[in-house]
Amino acid sequence: MPQKKYLVTLTDDERRQLAHLLHSGTHATRKVTRARILLKAAEGAEDSAIAAALSVGRATVERTRQRFVEAGLGALEERPRPGTQPKLDGPAEARLIAEACSAAPEGRQRWTLHLLADRVVALGLAASYSYESVRRVLKKRSSSRG
């Protein structure tokens, strides 16, 4: 079997920090799993054995090893996840909420999500906007009032 490119060697202080993390408080499951991976890797366990013992994929073990070698104990932390930026900023969301609280359009008794989405586009707040996005904005704002 080829030699591992990323070998995990822990200092005594790093071992103490990982043990403390495992035995104190509540931490994110992924963070605890990464700590266990590092401890087992430092003991010399095979990636496949670590993966089987912790119910993770072998690629997860390899990535955690690599991140530890490159970033130290920073490998335990979550990286920012990719995703699209919201189409509406704070003032635009406030305008959407103001529209939802205003009188309904002529011929309607109340605003619908579809009408509000069309209104966002008509006001030029976004080039396109879905009714589901309207729902999320309104839900986010209404649940914070309670």
C-alpha atoms as a PDB file:
ATOM      1  CA  MET A   1       0.000   0.000   0.000  1.00  0.00           C
ATOM      2  CA  PRO A   2       1.384   3.465  -0.896  1.00  0.00           C
ATOM      3  CA  GLN A   3       2.648   5.767   1.822  1.00  0.00           C
ATOM      4  CA  LYS A   4       0.069   8.293   3.060  1.00  0.00           C
ATOM      5  CA  LYS A   5       0.678  11.802   1.824  1.00  0.00           C
ATOM      6  CA  TYR A   6      -0.935  13.474   4.840  1.00  0.00           C
ATOM      7  CA  LEU A   7       0.229  11.993   8.125  1.00  0.00           C
ATOM      8  CA  VAL A   8      -1.411  13.116  11.344  1.00  0.00           C
ATOM      9  CA  THR A   9       0.973  13.650  14.241  1.00  0.00           C
ATOM     10  CA  LEU A  10      -0.498  15.335  17.292  1.00  0.00           C
ATOM     11  CA  THR A  11       1.354  17.230  19.959  1.00  0.00           C
ATOM     12  CA  ASP A  12       0.449  16.592  23.600  1.00  0.00           C
ATOM     13  CA  ASP A  13      -1.388  19.910  23.683  1.00  0.00           C
ATOM     14  CA  GLU A  14      -3.401  19.043  20.567  1.00  0.00           C
ATOM     15  CA  ARG A  15      -4.317  15.667  22.067  1.00  0.00           C
ATOM     16  CA  ARG A  16      -5.506  17.387  25.251  1.00  0.00           C
ATOM     17  CA  GLN A  17      -7.579  19.865  23.248  1.00  0.00           C
ATOM     18  CA  LEU A  18      -9.211  17.073  21.242  1.00  0.00           C
ATOM     19  CA  ALA A  19      -9.899  14.989  24.355  1.00  0.00           C
ATOM     20  CA  HIS A  20     -11.379  18.039  26.076  1.00  0.00           C
ATOM     21  CA  LEU A  21     -13.600  18.671  23.059  1.00  0.00           C
ATOM     22  CA  LEU A  22     -14.856  15.077  23.131  1.00  0.00           C
ATOM     23  CA  HIS A  23     -15.600  15.027  26.849  1.00  0.00           C
ATOM     24  CA  SER A  24     -16.991  18.478  27.530  1.00  0.00           C
ATOM     25  CA  GLY A  25     -20.115  20.365  26.613  1.00  0.00           C
ATOM     26  CA  THR A  26     -22.075  19.997  23.455  1.00  0.00           C
ATOM     27  CA  HIS A  27     -20.424  20.485  20.100  1.00  0.00           C
ATOM     28  CA  ALA A  28     -21.518  20.037  16.508  1.00  0.00           C
ATOM     29  CA  THR A  29     -21.550  16.395  15.499  1.00  0.00           C
ATOM     30  CA  ARG A  30     -19.284  17.019  12.522  1.00  0.00           C
ATOM     31  CA  LYS A  31     -16.712  18.700  14.742  1.00  0.00           C
ATOM     32  CA  VAL A  32     -16.720  15.786  17.198  1.00  0.00           C
ATOM     33  CA  THR A  33     -16.414  13.297  14.333  1.00  0.00           C
ATOM     34  CA  ARG A  34     -13.443  15.189  12.916  1.00  0.00           C
ATOM     35  CA  ALA A  35     -11.788  15.150  16.345  1.00  0.00           C
ATOM     36  CA  ARG A  36     -12.269  11.382  16.572  1.00  0.00           C
ATOM     37  CA  ILE A  37     -10.870  10.949  13.067  1.00  0.00           C
ATOM     38  CA  LEU A  38      -7.739  12.894  14.014  1.00  0.00           C
ATOM     39  CA  LEU A  39      -7.205  10.922  17.210  1.00  0.00           C
ATOM     40  CA  LYS A  40      -7.569   7.580  15.434  1.00  0.00           C
ATOM     41  CA  ALA A  41      -5.357   8.727  12.548  1.00  0.00           C
ATOM     42  CA  ALA A  42      -2.660   9.801  15.002  1.00  0.00           C
ATOM     43  CA  GLU A  43      -2.783   6.306  16.522  1.00  0.00           C
ATOM     44  CA  GLY A  44      -1.926   4.936  13.072  1.00  0.00           C
ATOM     45  CA  ALA A  45      -5.309   3.448  12.150  1.00  0.00           C
ATOM     46  CA  GLU A  46      -6.056   2.819   8.477  1.00  0.00           C
ATOM     47  CA  ASP A  47      -8.474   5.184   6.737  1.00  0.00           C
ATOM     48  CA  SER A  48     -10.895   2.347   5.957  1.00  0.00           C
ATOM     49  CA  ALA A  49     -10.883   1.215   9.607  1.00  0.00           C
ATOM     50  CA  ILE A  50     -11.497   4.783  10.830  1.00  0.00           C
ATOM     51  CA  ALA A  51     -14.305   5.218   8.304  1.00  0.00           C
ATOM     52  CA  ALA A  52     -15.968   1.960   9.390  1.00  0.00           C
ATOM     53  CA  ALA A  53     -15.602   2.728  13.099  1.00  0.00           C
ATOM     54  CA  LEU A  54     -17.082   6.226  12.813  1.00  0.00           C
ATOM     55  CA  SER A  55     -19.646   5.517  10.062  1.00  0.00           C
ATOM     56  CA  VAL A  56     -18.198   8.046   7.645  1.00  0.00           C
ATOM     57  CA  GLY A  57     -16.799   7.725   4.138  1.00  0.00           C
ATOM     58  CA  ARG A  58     -13.147   7.076   3.505  1.00  0.00           C
ATOM     59  CA  ALA A  59     -12.993  10.366   1.571  1.00  0.00           C
ATOM     60  CA  THR A  60     -14.103  12.194   4.731  1.00  0.00           C
ATOM     61  CA  VAL A  61     -11.193  10.679   6.636  1.00  0.00           C
ATOM     62  CA  GLU A  62      -8.758  11.610   3.858  1.00  0.00           C
ATOM     63  CA  ARG A  63     -10.067  15.185   3.652  1.00  0.00           C
ATOM     64  CA  THR A  64      -9.873  15.604   7.428  1.00  0.00           C
ATOM     65  CA  ARG A  65      -6.288  14.331   7.417  1.00  0.00           C
ATOM     66  CA  GLN A  66      -5.363  16.753   4.658  1.00  0.00           C
ATOM     67  CA  ARG A  67      -7.068  19.716   6.325  1.00  0.00           C
ATOM     68  CA  PHE A  68      -5.277  18.961   9.609  1.00  0.00           C
ATOM     69  CA  VAL A  69      -1.872  18.884   7.915  1.00  0.00           C
ATOM     70  CA  GLU A  70      -2.649  22.154   6.137  1.00  0.00           C
ATOM     71  CA  ALA A  71      -4.517  24.044   8.890  1.00  0.00           C
ATOM     72  CA  GLY A  72      -3.835  22.302  12.200  1.00  0.00           C
ATOM     73  CA  LEU A  73      -6.809  22.110  14.553  1.00  0.00           C
ATOM     74  CA  GLY A  74      -8.584  24.573  12.274  1.00  0.00           C
ATOM     75  CA  ALA A  75      -9.564  21.415  10.396  1.00  0.00           C
ATOM     76  CA  LEU A  76     -12.285  20.904  13.005  1.00  0.00           C
ATOM     77  CA  GLU A  77     -14.169  24.041  11.988  1.00  0.00           C
ATOM     78  CA  GLU A  78     -16.790  24.265   9.263  1.00  0.00           C
ATOM     79  CA  ARG A  79     -15.853  26.013   6.064  1.00  0.00           C
ATOM     80  CA  PRO A  80     -18.304  28.452   4.508  1.00  0.00           C
ATOM     81  CA  ARG A  81     -20.637  26.624   2.177  1.00  0.00           C
ATOM     82  CA  PRO A  82     -21.263  27.814  -1.341  1.00  0.00           C
ATOM     83  CA  GLY A  83     -24.624  29.178  -2.267  1.00  0.00           C
ATOM     84  CA  THR A  84     -26.306  31.940  -4.136  1.00  0.00           C
ATOM     85  CA  GLN A  85     -26.481  35.393  -2.636  1.00  0.00           C
ATOM     86  CA  PRO A  86     -29.965  36.611  -1.668  1.00  0.00           C
ATOM     87  CA  LYS A  87     -31.614  38.659  -4.402  1.00  0.00           C
ATOM     88  CA  LEU A  88     -32.965  41.202  -1.911  1.00  0.00           C
ATOM     89  CA  ASP A  89     -30.893  43.144   0.593  1.00  0.00           C
ATOM     90  CA  GLY A  90     -32.252  44.513   3.886  1.00  0.00           C
ATOM     91  CA  PRO A  91     -33.950  47.645   2.515  1.00  0.00           C
ATOM     92  CA  ALA A  92     -35.483  45.686  -0.366  1.00  0.00           C
ATOM     93  CA  GLU A  93     -36.834  43.075   2.073  1.00  0.00           C
ATOM     94  CA  ALA A  94     -38.267  45.897   4.175  1.00  0.00           C
ATOM     95  CA  ARG A  95     -39.986  47.265   1.074  1.00  0.00           C
ATOM     96  CA  LEU A  96     -41.444  43.814   0.313  1.00  0.00           C
ATOM     97  CA  ILE A  97     -42.810  43.590   3.867  1.00  0.00           C
ATOM     98  CA  ALA A  98     -44.256  47.100   3.586  1.00  0.00           C
ATOM     99  CA  GLU A  99     -45.992  46.101   0.358  1.00  0.00           C
ATOM    100  CA  ALA A 100     -47.391  42.969   2.036  1.00  0.00           C
ATOM    101  CA  CYS A 101     -48.769  45.107   4.870  1.00  0.00           C
ATOM    102  CA  SER A 102     -50.315  47.680   2.524  1.00  0.00           C
ATOM    103  CA  ALA A 103     -53.753  47.531   0.945  1.00  0.00           C
ATOM    104  CA  ALA A 104     -54.213  44.780  -1.626  1.00  0.00           C
ATOM    105  CA  PRO A 105     -54.234  45.657  -5.327  1.00  0.00           C
ATOM    106  CA  GLU A 106     -57.499  46.786  -6.836  1.00  0.00           C
ATOM    107  CA  GLY A 107     -59.898  43.912  -7.407  1.00  0.00           C
ATOM    108  CA  ARG A 108     -58.217  41.745  -4.736  1.00  0.00           C
ATOM    109  CA  GLN A 109     -59.041  41.215  -1.090  1.00  0.00           C
ATOM    110  CA  ARG A 110     -55.483  40.405  -0.036  1.00  0.00           C
ATOM    111  CA  TRP A 111     -51.956  40.003  -1.315  1.00  0.00           C
ATOM    112  CA  THR A 112     -50.924  36.546  -2.515  1.00  0.00           C
ATOM    113  CA  LEU A 113     -47.351  35.308  -2.647  1.00  0.00           C
ATOM    114  CA  HIS A 114     -47.486  35.353  -6.453  1.00  0.00           C
ATOM    115  CA  LEU A 115     -48.750  38.946  -6.501  1.00  0.00           C
ATOM    116  CA  LEU A 116     -46.008  40.017  -4.100  1.00  0.00           C
ATOM    117  CA  ALA A 117     -43.358  38.281  -6.214  1.00  0.00           C
ATOM    118  CA  ASP A 118     -44.639  40.124  -9.290  1.00  0.00           C
ATOM    119  CA  ARG A 119     -44.649  43.372  -7.308  1.00  0.00           C
ATOM    120  CA  VAL A 120     -40.980  42.920  -6.347  1.00  0.00           C
ATOM    121  CA  VAL A 121     -40.131  42.671 -10.047  1.00  0.00           C
ATOM    122  CA  ALA A 122     -42.407  45.610 -10.952  1.00  0.00           C
ATOM    123  CA  LEU A 123     -40.693  47.797  -8.343  1.00  0.00           C
ATOM    124  CA  GLY A 124     -37.312  46.890  -9.814  1.00  0.00           C
ATOM    125  CA  LEU A 125     -36.044  45.313  -6.572  1.00  0.00           C
ATOM    126  CA  ALA A 126     -34.977  42.190  -8.491  1.00  0.00           C
ATOM    127  CA  ALA A 127     -34.983  41.051 -12.114  1.00  0.00           C
ATOM    128  CA  SER A 128     -36.936  37.950 -11.107  1.00  0.00           C
ATOM    129  CA  TYR A 129     -38.322  36.740  -7.799  1.00  0.00           C
ATOM    130  CA  SER A 130     -40.217  33.612  -6.823  1.00  0.00           C
ATOM    131  CA  TYR A 131     -43.257  33.328  -4.616  1.00  0.00           C
ATOM    132  CA  GLU A 132     -41.304  30.854  -2.472  1.00  0.00           C
ATOM    133  CA  SER A 133     -38.690  33.539  -1.783  1.00  0.00           C
ATOM    134  CA  VAL A 134     -41.496  35.889  -0.759  1.00  0.00           C
ATOM    135  CA  ARG A 135     -42.797  33.215   1.621  1.00  0.00           C
ATOM    136  CA  ARG A 136     -39.368  32.768   3.221  1.00  0.00           C
ATOM    137  CA  VAL A 137     -38.901  36.514   3.742  1.00  0.00           C
ATOM    138  CA  LEU A 138     -42.350  36.903   5.292  1.00  0.00           C
ATOM    139  CA  LYS A 139     -41.915  33.818   7.475  1.00  0.00           C
ATOM    140  CA  LYS A 140     -38.500  34.982   8.666  1.00  0.00           C
ATOM    141  CA  ARG A 141     -39.891  38.362   9.650  1.00  0.00           C
ATOM    142  CA  SER A 142     -43.125  37.104  11.217  1.00  0.00           C
ATOM    143  CA  SER A 143     -41.416  34.467  13.390  1.00  0.00           C
ATOM    144  CA  SER A 144     -39.020  37.037  14.870  1.00  0.00           C
ATOM    145  CA  ARG A 145     -41.876  39.191  16.197  1.00  0.00           C
ATOM    146  CA  GLY A 146     -43.384  36.591  18.565  1.00  0.00           C
END
